[in-house]
Amino acid sequence: MHQTHRITFLAAIAALFLTTTALAADEEPVKKEEAAEAVIVGNPPADSPFGKLKIGMKYEEVIAILGKPTSESSWCTGKQNIPFYFGDDRGRAEAHFKGLGKLDFNATVSMYPFRICKGNAPLDLVYIEYNPENTGELPK
């Protein structure tokens, strides 16, 4: 009787293996999660300070080129609540420059009790929007 159970168990395992192998062959390959692509909007002239910026520059490098922004804001993206997410996109910071445009940076975040999150210091540049008509004020 014991031998019959062992054969039945092995047959069930073999059937399960063949079924999952057949299903895996029909599925598309799983794509690795890609980071959000960096974006440049507009066409800043080469002699413009915005023309000297490159995606991935550190905040301090950008400020050395452009000077202090007219207005700044930061916030959490929501990814800070994903368990085991250690990427850079947990917070964002936005800087507006009058007569030049807007820049977005990845930012550090601070977590407070009751799942309250606050965006902090800007890190690296991920978005450039050249707009010579920018007033430098935050959108309402």
C-alpha atoms as a PDB file:
ATOM      1  CA  MET A   1       0.000   0.000   0.000  1.00  0.00           C
ATOM      2  CA  HIS A   2       2.839   2.390   0.831  1.00  0.00           C
ATOM      3  CA  GLN A   3       4.452   1.797  -2.582  1.00  0.00           C
ATOM      4  CA  THR A   4       1.191   2.788  -4.360  1.00  0.00           C
ATOM      5  CA  HIS A   5       1.058   6.121  -2.580  1.00  0.00           C
ATOM      6  CA  ARG A   6       4.665   6.854  -3.514  1.00  0.00           C
ATOM      7  CA  ILE A   7       4.021   6.118  -7.213  1.00  0.00           C
ATOM      8  CA  THR A   8       0.858   8.260  -7.179  1.00  0.00           C
ATOM      9  CA  PHE A   9       2.745  11.110  -5.520  1.00  0.00           C
ATOM     10  CA  LEU A  10       5.601  10.921  -8.060  1.00  0.00           C
ATOM     11  CA  ALA A  11       3.119  10.836 -10.952  1.00  0.00           C
ATOM     12  CA  ALA A  12       1.360  13.924  -9.576  1.00  0.00           C
ATOM     13  CA  ILE A  13       4.676  15.785  -9.241  1.00  0.00           C
ATOM     14  CA  ALA A  14       5.652  14.837 -12.822  1.00  0.00           C
ATOM     15  CA  ALA A  15       2.269  16.000 -14.153  1.00  0.00           C
ATOM     16  CA  LEU A  16       2.589  19.294 -12.275  1.00  0.00           C
ATOM     17  CA  PHE A  17       6.107  19.825 -13.629  1.00  0.00           C
ATOM     18  CA  LEU A  18       5.013  19.144 -17.216  1.00  0.00           C
ATOM     19  CA  THR A  19       2.003  21.469 -16.892  1.00  0.00           C
ATOM     20  CA  THR A  20       4.019  24.387 -15.518  1.00  0.00           C
ATOM     21  CA  THR A  21       6.740  23.850 -18.137  1.00  0.00           C
ATOM     22  CA  ALA A  22       4.138  23.918 -20.938  1.00  0.00           C
ATOM     23  CA  LEU A  23       2.544  27.081 -19.514  1.00  0.00           C
ATOM     24  CA  ALA A  24       5.906  28.801 -19.204  1.00  0.00           C
ATOM     25  CA  ALA A  25       6.735  28.034 -22.834  1.00  0.00           C
ATOM     26  CA  ASP A  26       3.520  29.791 -23.997  1.00  0.00           C
ATOM     27  CA  GLU A  27       4.052  32.937 -21.909  1.00  0.00           C
ATOM     28  CA  GLU A  28       6.047  35.944 -23.033  1.00  0.00           C
ATOM     29  CA  PRO A  29       9.377  36.427 -21.289  1.00  0.00           C
ATOM     30  CA  VAL A  30       9.118  38.486 -18.137  1.00  0.00           C
ATOM     31  CA  LYS A  31      10.578  41.929 -18.709  1.00  0.00           C
ATOM     32  CA  LYS A  32      12.804  43.470 -16.093  1.00  0.00           C
ATOM     33  CA  GLU A  33      11.241  46.566 -14.541  1.00  0.00           C
ATOM     34  CA  GLU A  34      12.723  49.556 -16.313  1.00  0.00           C
ATOM     35  CA  ALA A  35      13.437  52.835 -14.606  1.00  0.00           C
ATOM     36  CA  ALA A  36      11.382  55.800 -15.740  1.00  0.00           C
ATOM     37  CA  GLU A  37      13.081  57.462 -18.661  1.00  0.00           C
ATOM     38  CA  ALA A  38      14.552  60.879 -18.143  1.00  0.00           C
ATOM     39  CA  VAL A  39      12.792  63.590 -20.127  1.00  0.00           C
ATOM     40  CA  ILE A  40      13.830  66.871 -21.742  1.00  0.00           C
ATOM     41  CA  VAL A  41      10.932  69.049 -22.935  1.00  0.00           C
ATOM     42  CA  GLY A  42      11.553  72.028 -25.157  1.00  0.00           C
ATOM     43  CA  ASN A  43      14.713  72.952 -26.983  1.00  0.00           C
ATOM     44  CA  PRO A  44      16.986  75.120 -24.837  1.00  0.00           C
ATOM     45  CA  PRO A  45      19.568  77.113 -26.833  1.00  0.00           C
ATOM     46  CA  ALA A  46      23.161  75.990 -26.338  1.00  0.00           C
ATOM     47  CA  ASP A  47      24.117  79.390 -24.869  1.00  0.00           C
ATOM     48  CA  SER A  48      21.224  79.228 -22.354  1.00  0.00           C
ATOM     49  CA  PRO A  49      22.017  77.995 -18.825  1.00  0.00           C
ATOM     50  CA  PHE A  50      19.395  75.251 -19.403  1.00  0.00           C
ATOM     51  CA  GLY A  51      21.393  74.155 -22.469  1.00  0.00           C
ATOM     52  CA  LYS A  52      24.300  73.235 -20.159  1.00  0.00           C
ATOM     53  CA  LEU A  53      22.213  70.841 -18.038  1.00  0.00           C
ATOM     54  CA  LYS A  54      22.378  67.066 -18.379  1.00  0.00           C
ATOM     55  CA  ILE A  55      20.013  64.462 -16.957  1.00  0.00           C
ATOM     56  CA  GLY A  56      21.605  62.843 -13.913  1.00  0.00           C
ATOM     57  CA  MET A  57      23.432  65.956 -12.686  1.00  0.00           C
ATOM     58  CA  LYS A  58      23.437  66.465  -8.925  1.00  0.00           C
ATOM     59  CA  TYR A  59      21.367  69.303  -7.444  1.00  0.00           C
ATOM     60  CA  GLU A  60      24.491  71.156  -6.327  1.00  0.00           C
ATOM     61  CA  GLU A  61      25.902  71.063  -9.901  1.00  0.00           C
ATOM     62  CA  VAL A  62      22.644  72.466 -11.297  1.00  0.00           C
ATOM     63  CA  ILE A  63      22.538  75.288  -8.727  1.00  0.00           C
ATOM     64  CA  ALA A  64      26.165  76.157  -9.548  1.00  0.00           C
ATOM     65  CA  ILE A  65      25.095  76.703 -13.185  1.00  0.00           C
ATOM     66  CA  LEU A  66      21.655  78.313 -12.693  1.00  0.00           C
ATOM     67  CA  GLY A  67      21.774  79.911  -9.266  1.00  0.00           C
ATOM     68  CA  LYS A  68      18.971  79.699  -6.696  1.00  0.00           C
ATOM     69  CA  PRO A  69      15.533  78.766  -8.060  1.00  0.00           C
ATOM     70  CA  THR A  70      12.670  81.251  -7.970  1.00  0.00           C
ATOM     71  CA  SER A  71      10.475  78.673  -6.194  1.00  0.00           C
ATOM     72  CA  GLU A  72      10.813  75.069  -4.978  1.00  0.00           C
ATOM     73  CA  SER A  73       8.550  72.265  -3.821  1.00  0.00           C
ATOM     74  CA  SER A  74       9.004  68.613  -2.816  1.00  0.00           C
ATOM     75  CA  TRP A  75       6.689  65.656  -2.203  1.00  0.00           C
ATOM     76  CA  CYS A  76       6.570  61.872  -1.814  1.00  0.00           C
ATOM     77  CA  THR A  77       5.730  59.734  -4.845  1.00  0.00           C
ATOM     78  CA  GLY A  78       4.040  56.905  -2.952  1.00  0.00           C
ATOM     79  CA  LYS A  79       6.827  54.425  -3.605  1.00  0.00           C
ATOM     80  CA  GLN A  80       8.080  54.944  -0.049  1.00  0.00           C
ATOM     81  CA  ASN A  81       5.271  52.595   1.054  1.00  0.00           C
ATOM     82  CA  ILE A  82       6.370  49.713  -1.195  1.00  0.00           C
ATOM     83  CA  PRO A  83       8.138  47.109   0.956  1.00  0.00           C
ATOM     84  CA  PHE A  84      11.752  46.518  -0.079  1.00  0.00           C
ATOM     85  CA  TYR A  85      11.761  49.369  -2.640  1.00  0.00           C
ATOM     86  CA  PHE A  86      15.170  51.006  -2.438  1.00  0.00           C
ATOM     87  CA  GLY A  87      15.076  53.050  -5.656  1.00  0.00           C
ATOM     88  CA  ASP A  88      15.663  56.771  -5.998  1.00  0.00           C
ATOM     89  CA  ASP A  89      12.065  57.626  -6.966  1.00  0.00           C
ATOM     90  CA  ARG A  90      10.608  57.735  -3.443  1.00  0.00           C
ATOM     91  CA  GLY A  91      10.432  61.526  -3.466  1.00  0.00           C
ATOM     92  CA  ARG A  92      10.477  64.337  -6.016  1.00  0.00           C
ATOM     93  CA  ALA A  93      11.563  67.953  -5.855  1.00  0.00           C
ATOM     94  CA  GLU A  94      10.577  70.599  -8.368  1.00  0.00           C
ATOM     95  CA  ALA A  95      12.453  73.850  -9.002  1.00  0.00           C
ATOM     96  CA  HIS A  96      11.111  76.730 -11.112  1.00  0.00           C
ATOM     97  CA  PHE A  97      13.410  79.322 -12.662  1.00  0.00           C
ATOM     98  CA  LYS A  98      11.893  82.578 -13.940  1.00  0.00           C
ATOM     99  CA  GLY A  99      12.442  82.975 -17.679  1.00  0.00           C
ATOM    100  CA  LEU A 100      14.021  79.504 -18.031  1.00  0.00           C
ATOM    101  CA  GLY A 101      11.648  76.715 -17.037  1.00  0.00           C
ATOM    102  CA  LYS A 102      11.181  73.884 -14.576  1.00  0.00           C
ATOM    103  CA  LEU A 103      13.414  71.065 -13.313  1.00  0.00           C
ATOM    104  CA  ASP A 104      12.458  67.879 -11.451  1.00  0.00           C
ATOM    105  CA  PHE A 105      14.852  65.975  -9.189  1.00  0.00           C
ATOM    106  CA  ASN A 106      14.649  62.715  -7.296  1.00  0.00           C
ATOM    107  CA  ALA A 107      14.517  63.628  -3.603  1.00  0.00           C
ATOM    108  CA  THR A 108      15.085  62.092  -0.209  1.00  0.00           C
ATOM    109  CA  VAL A 109      12.039  61.516   2.000  1.00  0.00           C
ATOM    110  CA  SER A 110      11.331  61.584   5.721  1.00  0.00           C
ATOM    111  CA  MET A 111       8.781  59.230   7.220  1.00  0.00           C
ATOM    112  CA  TYR A 112       6.797  60.324  10.269  1.00  0.00           C
ATOM    113  CA  PRO A 113       4.304  58.446  12.463  1.00  0.00           C
ATOM    114  CA  PHE A 114       0.948  57.501  10.941  1.00  0.00           C
ATOM    115  CA  ARG A 115       2.589  56.960   7.517  1.00  0.00           C
ATOM    116  CA  ILE A 116       3.096  60.678   6.962  1.00  0.00           C
ATOM    117  CA  CYS A 117       5.787  61.351   4.384  1.00  0.00           C
ATOM    118  CA  LYS A 118       7.577  64.565   3.442  1.00  0.00           C
ATOM    119  CA  GLY A 119       9.864  65.138   0.485  1.00  0.00           C
ATOM    120  CA  ASN A 120      13.263  66.594   1.404  1.00  0.00           C
ATOM    121  CA  ALA A 121      16.551  67.387  -0.275  1.00  0.00           C
ATOM    122  CA  PRO A 122      16.804  67.162  -4.078  1.00  0.00           C
ATOM    123  CA  LEU A 123      19.271  64.574  -5.375  1.00  0.00           C
ATOM    124  CA  ASP A 124      19.717  64.167  -9.135  1.00  0.00           C
ATOM    125  CA  LEU A 125      18.083  65.748 -12.181  1.00  0.00           C
ATOM    126  CA  VAL A 126      15.445  63.624 -13.969  1.00  0.00           C
ATOM    127  CA  TYR A 127      13.332  66.137 -15.937  1.00  0.00           C
ATOM    128  CA  ILE A 128      14.070  69.378 -17.794  1.00  0.00           C
ATOM    129  CA  GLU A 129      11.311  71.590 -19.151  1.00  0.00           C
ATOM    130  CA  TYR A 130      12.622  74.625 -21.021  1.00  0.00           C
ATOM    131  CA  ASN A 131      10.085  77.448 -21.160  1.00  0.00           C
ATOM    132  CA  PRO A 132      11.344  81.050 -21.469  1.00  0.00           C
ATOM    133  CA  GLU A 133       7.866  82.274 -20.460  1.00  0.00           C
ATOM    134  CA  ASN A 134       7.998  80.538 -17.065  1.00  0.00           C
ATOM    135  CA  THR A 135       7.047  82.961 -14.265  1.00  0.00           C
ATOM    136  CA  GLY A 136       9.040  81.015 -11.691  1.00  0.00           C
ATOM    137  CA  GLU A 137       5.959  80.480  -9.522  1.00  0.00           C
ATOM    138  CA  LEU A 138       4.645  77.094  -8.418  1.00  0.00           C
ATOM    139  CA  PRO A 139       1.440  75.974 -10.160  1.00  0.00           C
ATOM    140  CA  LYS A 140      -1.712  76.323  -8.081  1.00  0.00           C
END
